[in-house]
Amino acid sequence: MFLEFRDDPHDPNTYRGLLCFCPLDMAEGEEPVRTTTIIIESTYDEAVRKAHRFEDHQLQGLLRSALPD
């Protein structure tokens, strides 16, 4: 899992993060699964700290919610 950031041209003073789930055995042509933007903080460090505070059961739920039906 990785934390990725997306720019918001309407609010360039925020750090907007989403989670990217990438399996270790990803097949050729397979795309990682990404959440929508779920972290919005005023500094990079705050955004990273928030991402680190997710517990395993929360990450599992986020992954399940991002998977296709």
PDB file of N, CA and C in Angstrom:
ATOM      1  N   MET A   1       0.840  -1.168   0.000  1.00  0.00           N
ATOM      2  CA  MET A   1       0.000   0.000   0.000  1.00  0.00           C
ATOM      3  C   MET A   1       0.892   1.239   0.000  1.00  0.00           C
ATOM      4  N   PHE A   2       0.459   2.225  -0.745  1.00  0.00           N
ATOM      5  CA  PHE A   2       1.191   3.485  -0.854  1.00  0.00           C
ATOM      6  C   PHE A   2       0.237   4.648  -0.617  1.00  0.00           C
ATOM      7  N   LEU A   3       0.787   5.748  -0.181  1.00  0.00           N
ATOM      8  CA  LEU A   3       0.039   6.994  -0.081  1.00  0.00           C
ATOM      9  C   LEU A   3       0.419   7.833  -1.291  1.00  0.00           C
ATOM     10  N   GLU A   4      -0.577   8.210  -2.083  1.00  0.00           N
ATOM     11  CA  GLU A   4      -0.354   9.071  -3.247  1.00  0.00           C
ATOM     12  C   GLU A   4      -1.043  10.404  -3.005  1.00  0.00           C
ATOM     13  N   PHE A   5      -0.507  11.435  -3.617  1.00  0.00           N
ATOM     14  CA  PHE A   5      -1.086  12.766  -3.463  1.00  0.00           C
ATOM     15  C   PHE A   5      -1.631  13.259  -4.791  1.00  0.00           C
ATOM     16  N   ARG A   6      -2.727  13.991  -4.713  1.00  0.00           N
ATOM     17  CA  ARG A   6      -3.351  14.616  -5.880  1.00  0.00           C
ATOM     18  C   ARG A   6      -3.416  16.120  -5.642  1.00  0.00           C
ATOM     19  N   ASP A   7      -3.078  16.873  -6.656  1.00  0.00           N
ATOM     20  CA  ASP A   7      -3.160  18.332  -6.575  1.00  0.00           C
ATOM     21  C   ASP A   7      -4.609  18.777  -6.738  1.00  0.00           C
ATOM     22  N   ASP A   8      -4.961  19.839  -6.042  1.00  0.00           N
ATOM     23  CA  ASP A   8      -6.272  20.452  -6.207  1.00  0.00           C
ATOM     24  C   ASP A   8      -6.031  21.895  -6.648  1.00  0.00           C
ATOM     25  N   PRO A   9      -6.294  22.216  -7.901  1.00  0.00           N
ATOM     26  CA  PRO A   9      -6.032  23.577  -8.377  1.00  0.00           C
ATOM     27  C   PRO A   9      -6.878  24.627  -7.666  1.00  0.00           C
ATOM     28  N   HIS A  10      -7.986  24.203  -7.062  1.00  0.00           N
ATOM     29  CA  HIS A  10      -8.845  25.146  -6.343  1.00  0.00           C
ATOM     30  C   HIS A  10      -8.323  25.436  -4.936  1.00  0.00           C
ATOM     31  N   ASP A  11      -7.496  24.549  -4.412  1.00  0.00           N
ATOM     32  CA  ASP A  11      -6.947  24.736  -3.065  1.00  0.00           C
ATOM     33  C   ASP A  11      -5.519  24.186  -3.024  1.00  0.00           C
ATOM     34  N   PRO A  12      -4.564  24.913  -3.592  1.00  0.00           N
ATOM     35  CA  PRO A  12      -3.191  24.412  -3.683  1.00  0.00           C
ATOM     36  C   PRO A  12      -2.454  24.361  -2.345  1.00  0.00           C
ATOM     37  N   ASN A  13      -3.073  24.867  -1.275  1.00  0.00           N
ATOM     38  CA  ASN A  13      -2.409  24.880   0.033  1.00  0.00           C
ATOM     39  C   ASN A  13      -2.770  23.676   0.885  1.00  0.00           C
ATOM     40  N   THR A  14      -3.339  22.640   0.281  1.00  0.00           N
ATOM     41  CA  THR A  14      -3.664  21.425   1.025  1.00  0.00           C
ATOM     42  C   THR A  14      -2.967  20.228   0.399  1.00  0.00           C
ATOM     43  N   TYR A  15      -2.785  19.219   1.209  1.00  0.00           N
ATOM     44  CA  TYR A  15      -2.225  17.951   0.751  1.00  0.00           C
ATOM     45  C   TYR A  15      -3.342  16.931   0.783  1.00  0.00           C
ATOM     46  N   ARG A  16      -3.696  16.431  -0.396  1.00  0.00           N
ATOM     47  CA  ARG A  16      -4.820  15.500  -0.555  1.00  0.00           C
ATOM     48  C   ARG A  16      -4.267  14.140  -0.919  1.00  0.00           C
ATOM     49  N   GLY A  17      -4.518  13.188  -0.032  1.00  0.00           N
ATOM     50  CA  GLY A  17      -3.957  11.858  -0.231  1.00  0.00           C
ATOM     51  C   GLY A  17      -5.003  10.794  -0.486  1.00  0.00           C
ATOM     52  N   LEU A  18      -4.583   9.795  -1.225  1.00  0.00           N
ATOM     53  CA  LEU A  18      -5.407   8.613  -1.447  1.00  0.00           C
ATOM     54  C   LEU A  18      -4.508   7.399  -1.246  1.00  0.00           C
ATOM     55  N   LEU A  19      -5.138   6.257  -1.019  1.00  0.00           N
ATOM     56  CA  LEU A  19      -4.375   5.040  -0.809  1.00  0.00           C
ATOM     57  C   LEU A  19      -4.351   4.230  -2.095  1.00  0.00           C
ATOM     58  N   CYS A  20      -3.195   3.703  -2.421  1.00  0.00           N
ATOM     59  CA  CYS A  20      -3.001   2.878  -3.597  1.00  0.00           C
ATOM     60  C   CYS A  20      -2.575   1.491  -3.126  1.00  0.00           C
ATOM     61  N   PHE A  21      -3.398   0.496  -3.436  1.00  0.00           N
ATOM     62  CA  PHE A  21      -3.125  -0.885  -3.052  1.00  0.00           C
ATOM     63  C   PHE A  21      -2.563  -1.609  -4.266  1.00  0.00           C
ATOM     64  N   CYS A  22      -1.356  -2.121  -4.124  1.00  0.00           N
ATOM     65  CA  CYS A  22      -0.662  -2.769  -5.231  1.00  0.00           C
ATOM     66  C   CYS A  22      -0.174  -4.137  -4.736  1.00  0.00           C
ATOM     67  N   PRO A  23      -0.772  -5.248  -5.225  1.00  0.00           N
ATOM     68  CA  PRO A  23      -0.353  -6.566  -4.749  1.00  0.00           C
ATOM     69  C   PRO A  23       1.083  -6.886  -5.158  1.00  0.00           C
ATOM     70  N   LEU A  24       1.747  -7.665  -4.337  1.00  0.00           N
ATOM     71  CA  LEU A  24       3.125  -8.046  -4.644  1.00  0.00           C
ATOM     72  C   LEU A  24       3.206  -8.900  -5.903  1.00  0.00           C
ATOM     73  N   ASP A  25       2.153  -9.668  -6.170  1.00  0.00           N
ATOM     74  CA  ASP A  25       2.150 -10.564  -7.327  1.00  0.00           C
ATOM     75  C   ASP A  25       1.261 -10.031  -8.453  1.00  0.00           C
ATOM     76  N   MET A  26       1.291  -8.737  -8.670  1.00  0.00           N
ATOM     77  CA  MET A  26       0.428  -8.111  -9.669  1.00  0.00           C
ATOM     78  C   MET A  26       0.749  -8.662 -11.059  1.00  0.00           C
ATOM     79  N   ALA A  27      -0.289  -9.083 -11.755  1.00  0.00           N
ATOM     80  CA  ALA A  27      -0.136  -9.631 -13.100  1.00  0.00           C
ATOM     81  C   ALA A  27       0.133  -8.518 -14.106  1.00  0.00           C
ATOM     82  N   GLU A  28       0.725  -8.896 -15.215  1.00  0.00           N
ATOM     83  CA  GLU A  28       0.993  -7.923 -16.276  1.00  0.00           C
ATOM     84  C   GLU A  28      -0.325  -7.334 -16.765  1.00  0.00           C
ATOM     85  N   GLY A  29      -0.378  -6.028 -16.850  1.00  0.00           N
ATOM     86  CA  GLY A  29      -1.575  -5.339 -17.299  1.00  0.00           C
ATOM     87  C   GLY A  29      -2.571  -5.042 -16.189  1.00  0.00           C
ATOM     88  N   GLU A  30      -2.362  -5.617 -15.026  1.00  0.00           N
ATOM     89  CA  GLU A  30      -3.261  -5.365 -13.890  1.00  0.00           C
ATOM     90  C   GLU A  30      -2.966  -3.988 -13.312  1.00  0.00           C
ATOM     91  N   GLU A  31      -4.001  -3.279 -12.942  1.00  0.00           N
ATOM     92  CA  GLU A  31      -3.856  -1.933 -12.380  1.00  0.00           C
ATOM     93  C   GLU A  31      -3.982  -1.985 -10.855  1.00  0.00           C
ATOM     94  N   PRO A  32      -3.254  -1.140 -10.134  1.00  0.00           N
ATOM     95  CA  PRO A  32      -3.445  -1.048  -8.689  1.00  0.00           C
ATOM     96  C   PRO A  32      -4.853  -0.536  -8.377  1.00  0.00           C
ATOM     97  N   VAL A  33      -5.305  -0.808  -7.173  1.00  0.00           N
ATOM     98  CA  VAL A  33      -6.616  -0.341  -6.717  1.00  0.00           C
ATOM     99  C   VAL A  33      -6.385   0.913  -5.879  1.00  0.00           C
ATOM    100  N   ARG A  34      -7.134   1.982  -6.185  1.00  0.00           N
ATOM    101  CA  ARG A  34      -6.967   3.247  -5.463  1.00  0.00           C
ATOM    102  C   ARG A  34      -8.287   3.679  -4.839  1.00  0.00           C
ATOM    103  N   THR A  35      -8.176   4.278  -3.661  1.00  0.00           N
ATOM    104  CA  THR A  35      -9.338   4.899  -3.045  1.00  0.00           C
ATOM    105  C   THR A  35      -9.528   6.270  -3.672  1.00  0.00           C
ATOM    106  N   THR A  36     -10.610   6.899  -3.343  1.00  0.00           N
ATOM    107  CA  THR A  36     -10.758   8.300  -3.685  1.00  0.00           C
ATOM    108  C   THR A  36      -9.900   9.086  -2.683  1.00  0.00           C
ATOM    109  N   THR A  37      -9.828  10.368  -2.812  1.00  0.00           N
ATOM    110  CA  THR A  37      -9.092  11.186  -1.843  1.00  0.00           C
ATOM    111  C   THR A  37      -9.759  11.048  -0.479  1.00  0.00           C
ATOM    112  N   ILE A  38      -8.995  10.571   0.496  1.00  0.00           N
ATOM    113  CA  ILE A  38      -9.552  10.368   1.840  1.00  0.00           C
ATOM    114  C   ILE A  38      -8.798  11.132   2.919  1.00  0.00           C
ATOM    115  N   ILE A  39      -7.689  11.750   2.542  1.00  0.00           N
ATOM    116  CA  ILE A  39      -6.906  12.527   3.505  1.00  0.00           C
ATOM    117  C   ILE A  39      -6.728  13.930   2.946  1.00  0.00           C
ATOM    118  N   ILE A  40      -7.096  14.913   3.740  1.00  0.00           N
ATOM    119  CA  ILE A  40      -6.895  16.318   3.354  1.00  0.00           C
ATOM    120  C   ILE A  40      -6.309  17.036   4.566  1.00  0.00           C
ATOM    121  N   GLU A  41      -5.071  17.458   4.434  1.00  0.00           N
ATOM    122  CA  GLU A  41      -4.374  18.134   5.529  1.00  0.00           C
ATOM    123  C   GLU A  41      -3.637  19.354   5.011  1.00  0.00           C
ATOM    124  N   SER A  42      -3.243  20.215   5.924  1.00  0.00           N
ATOM    125  CA  SER A  42      -2.571  21.462   5.518  1.00  0.00           C
ATOM    126  C   SER A  42      -1.073  21.282   5.303  1.00  0.00           C
ATOM    127  N   THR A  43      -0.496  20.182   5.799  1.00  0.00           N
ATOM    128  CA  THR A  43       0.928  19.926   5.557  1.00  0.00           C
ATOM    129  C   THR A  43       1.132  18.483   5.122  1.00  0.00           C
ATOM    130  N   TYR A  44       2.226  18.251   4.440  1.00  0.00           N
ATOM    131  CA  TYR A  44       2.598  16.909   3.991  1.00  0.00           C
ATOM    132  C   TYR A  44       2.753  15.981   5.190  1.00  0.00           C
ATOM    133  N   ASP A  45       3.466  16.442   6.223  1.00  0.00           N
ATOM    134  CA  ASP A  45       3.707  15.610   7.400  1.00  0.00           C
ATOM    135  C   ASP A  45       2.416  15.202   8.100  1.00  0.00           C
ATOM    136  N   GLU A  46       1.457  16.111   8.187  1.00  0.00           N
ATOM    137  CA  GLU A  46       0.166  15.772   8.803  1.00  0.00           C
ATOM    138  C   GLU A  46      -0.555  14.704   7.991  1.00  0.00           C
ATOM    139  N   ALA A  47      -0.492  14.809   6.683  1.00  0.00           N
ATOM    140  CA  ALA A  47      -1.139  13.821   5.826  1.00  0.00           C
ATOM    141  C   ALA A  47      -0.500  12.445   6.001  1.00  0.00           C
ATOM    142  N   VAL A  48       0.818  12.397   6.051  1.00  0.00           N
ATOM    143  CA  VAL A  48       1.519  11.124   6.236  1.00  0.00           C
ATOM    144  C   VAL A  48       1.205  10.538   7.617  1.00  0.00           C
ATOM    145  N   ARG A  49       1.186  11.373   8.637  1.00  0.00           N
ATOM    146  CA  ARG A  49       0.851  10.886   9.994  1.00  0.00           C
ATOM    147  C   ARG A  49      -0.551  10.289  10.032  1.00  0.00           C
ATOM    148  N   LYS A  50      -1.495  10.946   9.380  1.00  0.00           N
ATOM    149  CA  LYS A  50      -2.863  10.437   9.354  1.00  0.00           C
ATOM    150  C   LYS A  50      -2.908   9.073   8.658  1.00  0.00           C
ATOM    151  N   ALA A  51      -2.190   8.932   7.558  1.00  0.00           N
ATOM    152  CA  ALA A  51      -2.162   7.650   6.838  1.00  0.00           C
ATOM    153  C   ALA A  51      -1.558   6.548   7.706  1.00  0.00           C
ATOM    154  N   HIS A  52      -0.544   6.875   8.472  1.00  0.00           N
ATOM    155  CA  HIS A  52       0.103   5.882   9.346  1.00  0.00           C
ATOM    156  C   HIS A  52      -0.808   5.441  10.491  1.00  0.00           C
ATOM    157  N   ARG A  53      -1.794   6.236  10.822  1.00  0.00           N
ATOM    158  CA  ARG A  53      -2.685   5.894  11.942  1.00  0.00           C
ATOM    159  C   ARG A  53      -3.787   4.907  11.566  1.00  0.00           C
ATOM    160  N   PHE A  54      -3.954   4.617  10.282  1.00  0.00           N
ATOM    161  CA  PHE A  54      -4.962   3.628   9.903  1.00  0.00           C
ATOM    162  C   PHE A  54      -4.584   2.272  10.477  1.00  0.00           C
ATOM    163  N   GLU A  55      -5.563   1.589  11.039  1.00  0.00           N
ATOM    164  CA  GLU A  55      -5.347   0.245  11.564  1.00  0.00           C
ATOM    165  C   GLU A  55      -5.643  -0.778  10.472  1.00  0.00           C
ATOM    166  N   ASP A  56      -5.177  -2.005  10.673  1.00  0.00           N
ATOM    167  CA  ASP A  56      -5.332  -3.043   9.654  1.00  0.00           C
ATOM    168  C   ASP A  56      -6.783  -3.220   9.223  1.00  0.00           C
ATOM    169  N   HIS A  57      -7.708  -3.273  10.178  1.00  0.00           N
ATOM    170  CA  HIS A  57      -9.111  -3.494   9.812  1.00  0.00           C
ATOM    171  C   HIS A  57      -9.671  -2.324   9.001  1.00  0.00           C
ATOM    172  N   GLN A  58      -9.180  -1.117   9.247  1.00  0.00           N
ATOM    173  CA  GLN A  58      -9.617   0.039   8.463  1.00  0.00           C
ATOM    174  C   GLN A  58      -9.072  -0.047   7.033  1.00  0.00           C
ATOM    175  N   LEU A  59      -7.814  -0.447   6.907  1.00  0.00           N
ATOM    176  CA  LEU A  59      -7.218  -0.591   5.579  1.00  0.00           C
ATOM    177  C   LEU A  59      -7.914  -1.681   4.784  1.00  0.00           C
ATOM    178  N   GLN A  60      -8.271  -2.777   5.451  1.00  0.00           N
ATOM    179  CA  GLN A  60      -8.990  -3.855   4.767  1.00  0.00           C
ATOM    180  C   GLN A  60     -10.340  -3.356   4.265  1.00  0.00           C
ATOM    181  N   GLY A  61     -11.033  -2.592   5.083  1.00  0.00           N
ATOM    182  CA  GLY A  61     -12.325  -2.030   4.673  1.00  0.00           C
ATOM    183  C   GLY A  61     -12.179  -1.067   3.514  1.00  0.00           C
ATOM    184  N   LEU A  62     -11.151  -0.243   3.540  1.00  0.00           N
ATOM    185  CA  LEU A  62     -10.920   0.691   2.440  1.00  0.00           C
ATOM    186  C   LEU A  62     -10.607  -0.048   1.145  1.00  0.00           C
ATOM    187  N   LEU A  63      -9.811  -1.113   1.239  1.00  0.00           N
ATOM    188  CA  LEU A  63      -9.507  -1.905   0.050  1.00  0.00           C
ATOM    189  C   LEU A  63     -10.778  -2.551  -0.495  1.00  0.00           C
ATOM    190  N   ARG A  64     -11.565  -3.149   0.377  1.00  0.00           N
ATOM    191  CA  ARG A  64     -12.819  -3.776  -0.068  1.00  0.00           C
ATOM    192  C   ARG A  64     -13.748  -2.767  -0.751  1.00  0.00           C
ATOM    193  N   SER A  65     -13.806  -1.562  -0.204  1.00  0.00           N
ATOM    194  CA  SER A  65     -14.699  -0.552  -0.776  1.00  0.00           C
ATOM    195  C   SER A  65     -14.206  -0.049  -2.135  1.00  0.00           C
ATOM    196  N   ALA A  66     -12.908  -0.180  -2.403  1.00  0.00           N
ATOM    197  CA  ALA A  66     -12.354   0.302  -3.660  1.00  0.00           C
ATOM    198  C   ALA A  66     -12.341  -0.773  -4.750  1.00  0.00           C
ATOM    199  N   LEU A  67     -12.532  -2.035  -4.376  1.00  0.00           N
ATOM    200  CA  LEU A  67     -12.520  -3.110  -5.364  1.00  0.00           C
ATOM    201  C   LEU A  67     -13.800  -3.081  -6.197  1.00  0.00           C
ATOM    202  N   PRO A  68     -13.694  -3.480  -7.464  1.00  0.00           N
ATOM    203  CA  PRO A  68     -14.915  -3.551  -8.287  1.00  0.00           C
ATOM    204  C   PRO A  68     -15.833  -4.654  -7.766  1.00  0.00           C
ATOM    205  N   ASP A  69     -17.110  -4.521  -8.056  1.00  0.00           N
ATOM    206  CA  ASP A  69     -18.084  -5.532  -7.598  1.00  0.00           C
ATOM    207  C   ASP A  69     -17.872  -6.866  -8.237  1.00  0.00           C
TER     208      ASP A  69
END
